[in-house]
Amino acid sequence: MKNKIKNDLILVGVILLLSVLSFGIFKALLRPGNSVVVLVNGEEKHRFSINEDLEEFIVTDGENSNTIVIKDSEVWVVHASCPDKICASHAPIKNEGEAIVCLPNKVVITVTK
């Protein structure tokens, strides 16, 4: 019985160690992006430098809109006309490949190289 508990603890320790190492490698591979691309309904509507500070009002279909802010090389949504506003509560993004998606308004904001 003691060997079983010992083996279980070793297994849990190895899994935790691998998880921490994987997270560290993932974080080390992140690269800051250079551009912010805004897609509306799958089409590129705007492209901005992530280094310029601005606030942009994005109209999606005449009724719906999102307002994005680029400041200090980060981008986030400050206002969305969608009912759930998940995109507006998303943390700022700055690394290549990160994205904020507003499904109801069909808006995708991506950081690219």
PDB file of N, CA and C in Angstrom:
ATOM      1  N   MET A   1       0.825  -1.207   0.000  1.00  0.00           N
ATOM      2  CA  MET A   1       0.000   0.000   0.000  1.00  0.00           C
ATOM      3  C   MET A   1       0.863   1.264   0.000  1.00  0.00           C
ATOM      4  N   LYS A   2       1.964   1.231   0.776  1.00  0.00           N
ATOM      5  CA  LYS A   2       2.834   2.401   0.842  1.00  0.00           C
ATOM      6  C   LYS A   2       3.519   2.660  -0.495  1.00  0.00           C
ATOM      7  N   ASN A   3       3.884   1.592  -1.208  1.00  0.00           N
ATOM      8  CA  ASN A   3       4.502   1.764  -2.522  1.00  0.00           C
ATOM      9  C   ASN A   3       3.542   2.406  -3.508  1.00  0.00           C
ATOM     10  N   LYS A   4       2.268   2.047  -3.417  1.00  0.00           N
ATOM     11  CA  LYS A   4       1.264   2.612  -4.323  1.00  0.00           C
ATOM     12  C   LYS A   4       1.126   4.122  -4.094  1.00  0.00           C
ATOM     13  N   ILE A   5       1.071   4.539  -2.843  1.00  0.00           N
ATOM     14  CA  ILE A   5       0.956   5.965  -2.519  1.00  0.00           C
ATOM     15  C   ILE A   5       2.221   6.701  -2.964  1.00  0.00           C
ATOM     16  N   LYS A   6       3.381   6.078  -2.728  1.00  0.00           N
ATOM     17  CA  LYS A   6       4.645   6.686  -3.136  1.00  0.00           C
ATOM     18  C   LYS A   6       4.690   6.858  -4.656  1.00  0.00           C
ATOM     19  N   ASN A   7       4.285   5.834  -5.386  1.00  0.00           N
ATOM     20  CA  ASN A   7       4.265   5.908  -6.850  1.00  0.00           C
ATOM     21  C   ASN A   7       3.278   6.966  -7.345  1.00  0.00           C
ATOM     22  N   ASP A   8       2.129   7.062  -6.689  1.00  0.00           N
ATOM     23  CA  ASP A   8       1.139   8.082  -7.060  1.00  0.00           C
ATOM     24  C   ASP A   8       1.705   9.489  -6.849  1.00  0.00           C
ATOM     25  N   LEU A   9       2.401   9.706  -5.734  1.00  0.00           N
ATOM     26  CA  LEU A   9       2.993  11.007  -5.461  1.00  0.00           C
ATOM     27  C   LEU A   9       4.086  11.351  -6.477  1.00  0.00           C
ATOM     28  N   ILE A  10       4.883  10.352  -6.855  1.00  0.00           N
ATOM     29  CA  ILE A  10       5.906  10.578  -7.870  1.00  0.00           C
ATOM     30  C   ILE A  10       5.259  10.949  -9.197  1.00  0.00           C
ATOM     31  N   LEU A  11       4.201  10.245  -9.568  1.00  0.00           N
ATOM     32  CA  LEU A  11       3.493  10.543 -10.815  1.00  0.00           C
ATOM     33  C   LEU A  11       2.917  11.960 -10.804  1.00  0.00           C
ATOM     34  N   VAL A  12       2.302  12.353  -9.716  1.00  0.00           N
ATOM     35  CA  VAL A  12       1.740  13.702  -9.612  1.00  0.00           C
ATOM     36  C   VAL A  12       2.858  14.740  -9.696  1.00  0.00           C
ATOM     37  N   GLY A  13       3.981  14.483  -9.050  1.00  0.00           N
ATOM     38  CA  GLY A  13       5.118  15.404  -9.102  1.00  0.00           C
ATOM     39  C   GLY A  13       5.661  15.560 -10.510  1.00  0.00           C
ATOM     40  N   VAL A  14       5.789  14.461 -11.236  1.00  0.00           N
ATOM     41  CA  VAL A  14       6.289  14.506 -12.603  1.00  0.00           C
ATOM     42  C   VAL A  14       5.319  15.282 -13.501  1.00  0.00           C
ATOM     43  N   ILE A  15       4.031  15.040 -13.340  1.00  0.00           N
ATOM     44  CA  ILE A  15       3.031  15.763 -14.137  1.00  0.00           C
ATOM     45  C   ILE A  15       3.082  17.261 -13.843  1.00  0.00           C
ATOM     46  N   LEU A  16       3.192  17.640 -12.590  1.00  0.00           N
ATOM     47  CA  LEU A  16       3.289  19.065 -12.238  1.00  0.00           C
ATOM     48  C   LEU A  16       4.557  19.685 -12.813  1.00  0.00           C
ATOM     49  N   LEU A  17       5.673  18.980 -12.731  1.00  0.00           N
ATOM     50  CA  LEU A  17       6.931  19.491 -13.262  1.00  0.00           C
ATOM     51  C   LEU A  17       6.838  19.693 -14.774  1.00  0.00           C
ATOM     52  N   LEU A  18       6.273  18.734 -15.479  1.00  0.00           N
ATOM     53  CA  LEU A  18       6.102  18.860 -16.920  1.00  0.00           C
ATOM     54  C   LEU A  18       5.172  20.025 -17.272  1.00  0.00           C
ATOM     55  N   SER A  19       4.147  20.231 -16.485  1.00  0.00           N
ATOM     56  CA  SER A  19       3.225  21.344 -16.728  1.00  0.00           C
ATOM     57  C   SER A  19       3.930  22.684 -16.568  1.00  0.00           C
ATOM     58  N   VAL A  20       4.698  22.829 -15.526  1.00  0.00           N
ATOM     59  CA  VAL A  20       5.419  24.080 -15.283  1.00  0.00           C
ATOM     60  C   VAL A  20       6.447  24.321 -16.381  1.00  0.00           C
ATOM     61  N   LEU A  21       7.174  23.285 -16.779  1.00  0.00           N
ATOM     62  CA  LEU A  21       8.158  23.426 -17.854  1.00  0.00           C
ATOM     63  C   LEU A  21       7.488  23.797 -19.172  1.00  0.00           C
ATOM     64  N   SER A  22       6.364  23.179 -19.486  1.00  0.00           N
ATOM     65  CA  SER A  22       5.640  23.494 -20.720  1.00  0.00           C
ATOM     66  C   SER A  22       5.177  24.941 -20.726  1.00  0.00           C
ATOM     67  N   PHE A  23       4.652  25.403 -19.604  1.00  0.00           N
ATOM     68  CA  PHE A  23       4.195  26.785 -19.498  1.00  0.00           C
ATOM     69  C   PHE A  23       5.367  27.749 -19.681  1.00  0.00           C
ATOM     70  N   GLY A  24       6.504  27.441 -19.070  1.00  0.00           N
ATOM     71  CA  GLY A  24       7.685  28.289 -19.198  1.00  0.00           C
ATOM     72  C   GLY A  24       8.186  28.360 -20.628  1.00  0.00           C
ATOM     73  N   ILE A  25       8.199  27.234 -21.323  1.00  0.00           N
ATOM     74  CA  ILE A  25       8.630  27.214 -22.721  1.00  0.00           C
ATOM     75  C   ILE A  25       7.660  28.021 -23.575  1.00  0.00           C
ATOM     76  N   PHE A  26       6.366  27.853 -23.341  1.00  0.00           N
ATOM     77  CA  PHE A  26       5.352  28.601 -24.090  1.00  0.00           C
ATOM     78  C   PHE A  26       5.542  30.102 -23.905  1.00  0.00           C
ATOM     79  N   LYS A  27       5.737  30.535 -22.671  1.00  0.00           N
ATOM     80  CA  LYS A  27       5.911  31.960 -22.391  1.00  0.00           C
ATOM     81  C   LYS A  27       7.200  32.497 -23.025  1.00  0.00           C
ATOM     82  N   ALA A  28       8.248  31.686 -23.044  1.00  0.00           N
ATOM     83  CA  ALA A  28       9.518  32.122 -23.620  1.00  0.00           C
ATOM     84  C   ALA A  28       9.420  32.294 -25.132  1.00  0.00           C
ATOM     85  N   LEU A  29       8.536  31.567 -25.780  1.00  0.00           N
ATOM     86  CA  LEU A  29       8.407  31.633 -27.230  1.00  0.00           C
ATOM     87  C   LEU A  29       7.496  32.761 -27.713  1.00  0.00           C
ATOM     88  N   LEU A  30       6.778  33.434 -26.806  1.00  0.00           N
ATOM     89  CA  LEU A  30       5.904  34.531 -27.206  1.00  0.00           C
ATOM     90  C   LEU A  30       6.736  35.708 -27.714  1.00  0.00           C
ATOM     91  N   ARG A  31       6.295  36.283 -28.826  1.00  0.00           N
ATOM     92  CA  ARG A  31       6.976  37.435 -29.407  1.00  0.00           C
ATOM     93  C   ARG A  31       5.988  38.585 -29.539  1.00  0.00           C
ATOM     94  N   PRO A  32       6.406  39.794 -29.187  1.00  0.00           N
ATOM     95  CA  PRO A  32       5.519  40.943 -29.368  1.00  0.00           C
ATOM     96  C   PRO A  32       5.207  41.154 -30.846  1.00  0.00           C
ATOM     97  N   GLY A  33       3.970  41.546 -31.130  1.00  0.00           N
ATOM     98  CA  GLY A  33       3.562  41.795 -32.506  1.00  0.00           C
ATOM     99  C   GLY A  33       3.865  43.210 -32.940  1.00  0.00           C
ATOM    100  N   ASN A  34       3.682  43.463 -34.239  1.00  0.00           N
ATOM    101  CA  ASN A  34       3.917  44.794 -34.806  1.00  0.00           C
ATOM    102  C   ASN A  34       2.636  45.463 -35.282  1.00  0.00           C
ATOM    103  N   SER A  35       1.630  44.647 -35.650  1.00  0.00           N
ATOM    104  CA  SER A  35       0.414  45.188 -36.253  1.00  0.00           C
ATOM    105  C   SER A  35      -0.820  44.643 -35.555  1.00  0.00           C
ATOM    106  N   VAL A  36      -1.893  45.417 -35.658  1.00  0.00           N
ATOM    107  CA  VAL A  36      -3.205  44.988 -35.195  1.00  0.00           C
ATOM    108  C   VAL A  36      -4.092  44.929 -36.431  1.00  0.00           C
ATOM    109  N   VAL A  37      -4.658  43.759 -36.677  1.00  0.00           N
ATOM    110  CA  VAL A  37      -5.536  43.571 -37.828  1.00  0.00           C
ATOM    111  C   VAL A  37      -6.958  43.385 -37.311  1.00  0.00           C
ATOM    112  N   VAL A  38      -7.903  44.139 -37.891  1.00  0.00           N
ATOM    113  CA  VAL A  38      -9.310  44.037 -37.521  1.00  0.00           C
ATOM    114  C   VAL A  38     -10.074  43.424 -38.696  1.00  0.00           C
ATOM    115  N   LEU A  39     -10.648  42.258 -38.468  1.00  0.00           N
ATOM    116  CA  LEU A  39     -11.494  41.599 -39.462  1.00  0.00           C
ATOM    117  C   LEU A  39     -12.948  41.801 -39.072  1.00  0.00           C
ATOM    118  N   VAL A  40     -13.772  42.175 -40.032  1.00  0.00           N
ATOM    119  CA  VAL A  40     -15.219  42.282 -39.818  1.00  0.00           C
ATOM    120  C   VAL A  40     -15.871  41.350 -40.824  1.00  0.00           C
ATOM    121  N   ASN A  41     -16.590  40.379 -40.302  1.00  0.00           N
ATOM    122  CA  ASN A  41     -17.259  39.376 -41.139  1.00  0.00           C
ATOM    123  C   ASN A  41     -16.268  38.674 -42.074  1.00  0.00           C
ATOM    124  N   GLY A  42     -15.056  38.412 -41.548  1.00  0.00           N
ATOM    125  CA  GLY A  42     -14.046  37.687 -42.301  1.00  0.00           C
ATOM    126  C   GLY A  42     -13.201  38.513 -43.244  1.00  0.00           C
ATOM    127  N   GLU A  43     -13.484  39.798 -43.402  1.00  0.00           N
ATOM    128  CA  GLU A  43     -12.730  40.669 -44.301  1.00  0.00           C
ATOM    129  C   GLU A  43     -11.893  41.658 -43.497  1.00  0.00           C
ATOM    130  N   GLU A  44     -10.656  41.860 -43.934  1.00  0.00           N
ATOM    131  CA  GLU A  44      -9.805  42.834 -43.258  1.00  0.00           C
ATOM    132  C   GLU A  44     -10.328  44.241 -43.522  1.00  0.00           C
ATOM    133  N   LYS A  45     -10.667  44.947 -42.451  1.00  0.00           N
ATOM    134  CA  LYS A  45     -11.187  46.312 -42.570  1.00  0.00           C
ATOM    135  C   LYS A  45     -10.173  47.360 -42.120  1.00  0.00           C
ATOM    136  N   HIS A  46      -9.328  46.993 -41.163  1.00  0.00           N
ATOM    137  CA  HIS A  46      -8.361  47.954 -40.629  1.00  0.00           C
ATOM    138  C   HIS A  46      -7.058  47.228 -40.306  1.00  0.00           C
ATOM    139  N   ARG A  47      -5.954  47.969 -40.428  1.00  0.00           N
ATOM    140  CA  ARG A  47      -4.642  47.496 -39.995  1.00  0.00           C
ATOM    141  C   ARG A  47      -3.923  48.692 -39.379  1.00  0.00           C
ATOM    142  N   PHE A  48      -3.470  48.508 -38.144  1.00  0.00           N
ATOM    143  CA  PHE A  48      -2.802  49.585 -37.418  1.00  0.00           C
ATOM    144  C   PHE A  48      -1.468  49.094 -36.887  1.00  0.00           C
ATOM    145  N   SER A  49      -0.551  50.022 -36.663  1.00  0.00           N
ATOM    146  CA  SER A  49       0.686  49.694 -35.958  1.00  0.00           C
ATOM    147  C   SER A  49       0.343  49.566 -34.478  1.00  0.00           C
ATOM    148  N   ILE A  50       0.901  48.569 -33.820  1.00  0.00           N
ATOM    149  CA  ILE A  50       0.627  48.402 -32.387  1.00  0.00           C
ATOM    150  C   ILE A  50       1.383  49.452 -31.566  1.00  0.00           C
ATOM    151  N   ASN A  51       2.290  50.166 -32.210  1.00  0.00           N
ATOM    152  CA  ASN A  51       3.084  51.179 -31.505  1.00  0.00           C
ATOM    153  C   ASN A  51       2.445  52.559 -31.517  1.00  0.00           C
ATOM    154  N   GLU A  52       1.365  52.753 -32.297  1.00  0.00           N
ATOM    155  CA  GLU A  52       0.693  54.058 -32.304  1.00  0.00           C
ATOM    156  C   GLU A  52      -0.504  54.013 -31.349  1.00  0.00           C
ATOM    157  N   ASP A  53      -0.612  55.009 -30.512  1.00  0.00           N
ATOM    158  CA  ASP A  53      -1.732  55.081 -29.571  1.00  0.00           C
ATOM    159  C   ASP A  53      -2.939  55.663 -30.287  1.00  0.00           C
ATOM    160  N   LEU A  54      -4.057  54.942 -30.228  1.00  0.00           N
ATOM    161  CA  LEU A  54      -5.278  55.443 -30.859  1.00  0.00           C
ATOM    162  C   LEU A  54      -6.502  54.763 -30.259  1.00  0.00           C
ATOM    163  N   GLU A  55      -7.643  55.362 -30.533  1.00  0.00           N
ATOM    164  CA  GLU A  55      -8.939  54.778 -30.198  1.00  0.00           C
ATOM    165  C   GLU A  55      -9.741  54.766 -31.493  1.00  0.00           C
ATOM    166  N   GLU A  56     -10.240  53.601 -31.889  1.00  0.00           N
ATOM    167  CA  GLU A  56     -10.913  53.455 -33.185  1.00  0.00           C
ATOM    168  C   GLU A  56     -12.314  52.877 -32.990  1.00  0.00           C
ATOM    169  N   PHE A  57     -13.278  53.511 -33.603  1.00  0.00           N
ATOM    170  CA  PHE A  57     -14.675  53.068 -33.582  1.00  0.00           C
ATOM    171  C   PHE A  57     -14.890  52.185 -34.806  1.00  0.00           C
ATOM    172  N   ILE A  58     -15.257  50.930 -34.605  1.00  0.00           N
ATOM    173  CA  ILE A  58     -15.434  49.962 -35.691  1.00  0.00           C
ATOM    174  C   ILE A  58     -16.929  49.694 -35.869  1.00  0.00           C
ATOM    175  N   VAL A  59     -17.482  50.064 -37.012  1.00  0.00           N
ATOM    176  CA  VAL A  59     -18.889  49.789 -37.322  1.00  0.00           C
ATOM    177  C   VAL A  59     -18.938  48.480 -38.086  1.00  0.00           C
ATOM    178  N   THR A  60     -19.782  47.543 -37.633  1.00  0.00           N
ATOM    179  CA  THR A  60     -19.791  46.228 -38.261  1.00  0.00           C
ATOM    180  C   THR A  60     -20.864  46.078 -39.322  1.00  0.00           C
ATOM    181  N   ASP A  61     -22.110  46.413 -39.008  1.00  0.00           N
ATOM    182  CA  ASP A  61     -23.185  46.239 -40.000  1.00  0.00           C
ATOM    183  C   ASP A  61     -24.195  47.381 -39.965  1.00  0.00           C
ATOM    184  N   GLY A  62     -23.778  48.527 -39.541  1.00  0.00           N
ATOM    185  CA  GLY A  62     -24.684  49.668 -39.467  1.00  0.00           C
ATOM    186  C   GLY A  62     -25.286  49.841 -38.087  1.00  0.00           C
ATOM    187  N   GLU A  63     -25.641  48.750 -37.429  1.00  0.00           N
ATOM    188  CA  GLU A  63     -26.219  48.811 -36.084  1.00  0.00           C
ATOM    189  C   GLU A  63     -25.187  48.532 -34.999  1.00  0.00           C
ATOM    190  N   ASN A  64     -24.325  47.561 -35.240  1.00  0.00           N
ATOM    191  CA  ASN A  64     -23.393  47.085 -34.217  1.00  0.00           C
ATOM    192  C   ASN A  64     -22.026  47.732 -34.367  1.00  0.00           C
ATOM    193  N   SER A  65     -21.336  47.847 -33.236  1.00  0.00           N
ATOM    194  CA  SER A  65     -20.027  48.489 -33.257  1.00  0.00           C
ATOM    195  C   SER A  65     -19.167  48.007 -32.092  1.00  0.00           C
ATOM    196  N   ASN A  66     -17.881  48.184 -32.264  1.00  0.00           N
ATOM    197  CA  ASN A  66     -16.893  47.939 -31.218  1.00  0.00           C
ATOM    198  C   ASN A  66     -15.942  49.125 -31.226  1.00  0.00           C
ATOM    199  N   THR A  67     -15.418  49.468 -30.068  1.00  0.00           N
ATOM    200  CA  THR A  67     -14.405  50.503 -29.963  1.00  0.00           C
ATOM    201  C   THR A  67     -13.153  49.857 -29.393  1.00  0.00           C
ATOM    202  N   ILE A  68     -12.052  49.973 -30.135  1.00  0.00           N
ATOM    203  CA  ILE A  68     -10.793  49.402 -29.660  1.00  0.00           C
ATOM    204  C   ILE A  68      -9.836  50.524 -29.286  1.00  0.00           C
ATOM    205  N   VAL A  69      -8.929  50.199 -28.373  1.00  0.00           N
ATOM    206  CA  VAL A  69      -7.892  51.131 -27.955  1.00  0.00           C
ATOM    207  C   VAL A  69      -6.548  50.438 -28.135  1.00  0.00           C
ATOM    208  N   ILE A  70      -5.616  51.164 -28.729  1.00  0.00           N
ATOM    209  CA  ILE A  70      -4.228  50.711 -28.802  1.00  0.00           C
ATOM    210  C   ILE A  70      -3.417  51.721 -28.001  1.00  0.00           C
ATOM    211  N   LYS A  71      -2.758  51.228 -26.975  1.00  0.00           N
ATOM    212  CA  LYS A  71      -1.965  52.108 -26.123  1.00  0.00           C
ATOM    213  C   LYS A  71      -0.859  51.287 -25.472  1.00  0.00           C
ATOM    214  N   ASP A  72       0.330  51.860 -25.407  1.00  0.00           N
ATOM    215  CA  ASP A  72       1.493  51.199 -24.797  1.00  0.00           C
ATOM    216  C   ASP A  72       1.733  49.811 -25.392  1.00  0.00           C
ATOM    217  N   SER A  73       1.562  49.685 -26.706  1.00  0.00           N
ATOM    218  CA  SER A  73       1.791  48.437 -27.452  1.00  0.00           C
ATOM    219  C   SER A  73       0.868  47.303 -27.023  1.00  0.00           C
ATOM    220  N   GLU A  74      -0.333  47.649 -26.563  1.00  0.00           N
ATOM    221  CA  GLU A  74      -1.368  46.664 -26.232  1.00  0.00           C
ATOM    222  C   GLU A  74      -2.670  47.108 -26.886  1.00  0.00           C
ATOM    223  N   VAL A  75      -3.548  46.150 -27.141  1.00  0.00           N
ATOM    224  CA  VAL A  75      -4.851  46.478 -27.734  1.00  0.00           C
ATOM    225  C   VAL A  75      -5.943  45.790 -26.920  1.00  0.00           C
ATOM    226  N   TRP A  76      -7.067  46.488 -26.763  1.00  0.00           N
ATOM    227  CA  TRP A  76      -8.217  45.934 -26.070  1.00  0.00           C
ATOM    228  C   TRP A  76      -9.481  46.611 -26.557  1.00  0.00           C
ATOM    229  N   VAL A  77     -10.617  46.012 -26.215  1.00  0.00           N
ATOM    230  CA  VAL A  77     -11.927  46.549 -26.593  1.00  0.00           C
ATOM    231  C   VAL A  77     -12.481  47.290 -25.382  1.00  0.00           C
ATOM    232  N   VAL A  78     -12.864  48.553 -25.572  1.00  0.00           N
ATOM    233  CA  VAL A  78     -13.431  49.335 -24.465  1.00  0.00           C
ATOM    234  C   VAL A  78     -14.949  49.380 -24.514  1.00  0.00           C
ATOM    235  N   HIS A  79     -15.515  49.158 -25.714  1.00  0.00           N
ATOM    236  CA  HIS A  79     -16.977  49.166 -25.830  1.00  0.00           C
ATOM    237  C   HIS A  79     -17.392  48.205 -26.940  1.00  0.00           C
ATOM    238  N   ALA A  80     -18.492  47.503 -26.674  1.00  0.00           N
ATOM    239  CA  ALA A  80     -19.080  46.623 -27.692  1.00  0.00           C
ATOM    240  C   ALA A  80     -20.591  46.724 -27.577  1.00  0.00           C
ATOM    241  N   SER A  81     -21.265  46.742 -28.723  1.00  0.00           N
ATOM    242  CA  SER A  81     -22.729  46.846 -28.712  1.00  0.00           C
ATOM    243  C   SER A  81     -23.401  45.486 -28.550  1.00  0.00           C
ATOM    244  N   CYS A  82     -22.628  44.412 -28.504  1.00  0.00           N
ATOM    245  CA  CYS A  82     -23.205  43.069 -28.367  1.00  0.00           C
ATOM    246  C   CYS A  82     -23.771  42.881 -26.958  1.00  0.00           C
ATOM    247  N   PRO A  83     -24.705  41.937 -26.788  1.00  0.00           N
ATOM    248  CA  PRO A  83     -25.351  41.782 -25.482  1.00  0.00           C
ATOM    249  C   PRO A  83     -24.452  41.211 -24.392  1.00  0.00           C
ATOM    250  N   ASP A  84     -23.530  40.314 -24.724  1.00  0.00           N
ATOM    251  CA  ASP A  84     -22.743  39.671 -23.664  1.00  0.00           C
ATOM    252  C   ASP A  84     -21.468  40.430 -23.279  1.00  0.00           C
ATOM    253  N   LYS A  85     -20.913  41.218 -24.183  1.00  0.00           N
ATOM    254  CA  LYS A  85     -19.738  42.064 -23.944  1.00  0.00           C
ATOM    255  C   LYS A  85     -18.516  41.288 -23.438  1.00  0.00           C
ATOM    256  N   ILE A  86     -18.384  40.032 -23.870  1.00  0.00           N
ATOM    257  CA  ILE A  86     -17.228  39.225 -23.474  1.00  0.00           C
ATOM    258  C   ILE A  86     -15.944  39.848 -24.010  1.00  0.00           C
ATOM    259  N   CYS A  87     -15.988  40.349 -25.233  1.00  0.00           N
ATOM    260  CA  CYS A  87     -14.791  40.950 -25.831  1.00  0.00           C
ATOM    261  C   CYS A  87     -14.320  42.168 -25.045  1.00  0.00           C
ATOM    262  N   ALA A  88     -15.239  42.918 -24.472  1.00  0.00           N
ATOM    263  CA  ALA A  88     -14.873  44.117 -23.714  1.00  0.00           C
ATOM    264  C   ALA A  88     -14.258  43.772 -22.362  1.00  0.00           C
ATOM    265  N   SER A  89     -14.472  42.550 -21.888  1.00  0.00           N
ATOM    266  CA  SER A  89     -13.873  42.145 -20.616  1.00  0.00           C
ATOM    267  C   SER A  89     -12.597  41.337 -20.823  1.00  0.00           C
ATOM    268  N   HIS A  90     -12.190  41.137 -22.080  1.00  0.00           N
ATOM    269  CA  HIS A  90     -10.968  40.392 -22.389  1.00  0.00           C
ATOM    270  C   HIS A  90      -9.753  41.218 -21.986  1.00  0.00           C
ATOM    271  N   ALA A  91      -8.732  40.561 -21.508  1.00  0.00           N
ATOM    272  CA  ALA A  91      -7.487  41.241 -21.142  1.00  0.00           C
ATOM    273  C   ALA A  91      -6.815  41.807 -22.391  1.00  0.00           C
ATOM    274  N   PRO A  92      -6.025  42.859 -22.245  1.00  0.00           N
ATOM    275  CA  PRO A  92      -5.300  43.403 -23.397  1.00  0.00           C
ATOM    276  C   PRO A  92      -4.375  42.356 -24.020  1.00  0.00           C
ATOM    277  N   ILE A  93      -4.182  42.467 -25.337  1.00  0.00           N
ATOM    278  CA  ILE A  93      -3.303  41.546 -26.045  1.00  0.00           C
ATOM    279  C   ILE A  93      -2.151  42.326 -26.661  1.00  0.00           C
ATOM    280  N   LYS A  94      -0.995  41.660 -26.814  1.00  0.00           N
ATOM    281  CA  LYS A  94       0.172  42.337 -27.388  1.00  0.00           C
ATOM    282  C   LYS A  94       1.101  41.398 -28.137  1.00  0.00           C
ATOM    283  N   ASN A  95       0.964  40.103 -27.958  1.00  0.00           N
ATOM    284  CA  ASN A  95       1.874  39.143 -28.573  1.00  0.00           C
ATOM    285  C   ASN A  95       1.326  38.601 -29.880  1.00  0.00           C
ATOM    286  N   GLU A  96       2.231  38.279 -30.779  1.00  0.00           N
ATOM    287  CA  GLU A  96       1.874  37.754 -32.092  1.00  0.00           C
ATOM    288  C   GLU A  96       0.990  36.514 -31.947  1.00  0.00           C
ATOM    289  N   GLY A  97      -0.135  36.527 -32.665  1.00  0.00           N
ATOM    290  CA  GLY A  97      -1.051  35.391 -32.649  1.00  0.00           C
ATOM    291  C   GLY A  97      -2.198  35.515 -31.660  1.00  0.00           C
ATOM    292  N   GLU A  98      -2.129  36.448 -30.733  1.00  0.00           N
ATOM    293  CA  GLU A  98      -3.230  36.631 -29.786  1.00  0.00           C
ATOM    294  C   GLU A  98      -4.390  37.322 -30.489  1.00  0.00           C
ATOM    295  N   ALA A  99      -5.606  37.040 -30.008  1.00  0.00           N
ATOM    296  CA  ALA A  99      -6.790  37.612 -30.657  1.00  0.00           C
ATOM    297  C   ALA A  99      -7.887  37.877 -29.645  1.00  0.00           C
ATOM    298  N   ILE A 100      -8.718  38.847 -29.976  1.00  0.00           N
ATOM    299  CA  ILE A 100      -9.961  39.116 -29.250  1.00  0.00           C
ATOM    300  C   ILE A 100     -11.074  38.935 -30.270  1.00  0.00           C
ATOM    301  N   VAL A 101     -12.093  38.164 -29.902  1.00  0.00           N
ATOM    302  CA  VAL A 101     -13.176  37.846 -30.836  1.00  0.00           C
ATOM    303  C   VAL A 101     -14.498  38.317 -30.252  1.00  0.00           C
ATOM    304  N   CYS A 102     -15.284  39.003 -31.081  1.00  0.00           N
ATOM    305  CA  CYS A 102     -16.654  39.381 -30.730  1.00  0.00           C
ATOM    306  C   CYS A 102     -17.564  38.634 -31.714  1.00  0.00           C
ATOM    307  N   LEU A 103     -18.076  37.494 -31.289  1.00  0.00           N
ATOM    308  CA  LEU A 103     -18.894  36.667 -32.179  1.00  0.00           C
ATOM    309  C   LEU A 103     -20.187  37.347 -32.619  1.00  0.00           C
ATOM    310  N   PRO A 104     -20.939  37.969 -31.705  1.00  0.00           N
ATOM    311  CA  PRO A 104     -22.193  38.583 -32.168  1.00  0.00           C
ATOM    312  C   PRO A 104     -21.981  39.662 -33.231  1.00  0.00           C
ATOM    313  N   ASN A 105     -20.894  40.429 -33.105  1.00  0.00           N
ATOM    314  CA  ASN A 105     -20.623  41.500 -34.070  1.00  0.00           C
ATOM    315  C   ASN A 105     -19.732  41.040 -35.229  1.00  0.00           C
ATOM    316  N   LYS A 106     -19.280  39.802 -35.186  1.00  0.00           N
ATOM    317  CA  LYS A 106     -18.417  39.216 -36.230  1.00  0.00           C
ATOM    318  C   LYS A 106     -17.125  40.004 -36.399  1.00  0.00           C
ATOM    319  N   VAL A 107     -16.494  40.350 -35.269  1.00  0.00           N
ATOM    320  CA  VAL A 107     -15.243  41.114 -35.265  1.00  0.00           C
ATOM    321  C   VAL A 107     -14.138  40.256 -34.653  1.00  0.00           C
ATOM    322  N   VAL A 108     -12.995  40.222 -35.330  1.00  0.00           N
ATOM    323  CA  VAL A 108     -11.812  39.537 -34.815  1.00  0.00           C
ATOM    324  C   VAL A 108     -10.660  40.538 -34.853  1.00  0.00           C
ATOM    325  N   ILE A 109     -10.027  40.734 -33.697  1.00  0.00           N
ATOM    326  CA  ILE A 109      -8.887  41.637 -33.579  1.00  0.00           C
ATOM    327  C   ILE A 109      -7.676  40.762 -33.287  1.00  0.00           C
ATOM    328  N   THR A 110      -6.668  40.814 -34.165  1.00  0.00           N
ATOM    329  CA  THR A 110      -5.507  39.932 -34.044  1.00  0.00           C
ATOM    330  C   THR A 110      -4.227  40.745 -34.064  1.00  0.00           C
ATOM    331  N   VAL A 111      -3.262  40.316 -33.265  1.00  0.00           N
ATOM    332  CA  VAL A 111      -1.929  40.903 -33.294  1.00  0.00           C
ATOM    333  C   VAL A 111      -1.086  40.045 -34.221  1.00  0.00           C
ATOM    334  N   THR A 112      -0.417  40.695 -35.183  1.00  0.00           N
ATOM    335  CA  THR A 112       0.402  39.981 -36.157  1.00  0.00           C
ATOM    336  C   THR A 112       1.812  40.572 -36.199  1.00  0.00           C
ATOM    337  N   LYS A 113       2.658  39.916 -36.943  1.00  0.00           N
ATOM    338  CA  LYS A 113       4.040  40.363 -37.094  1.00  0.00           C
ATOM    339  C   LYS A 113       4.141  41.476 -38.075  1.00  0.00           C
TER     340      LYS A 113
END
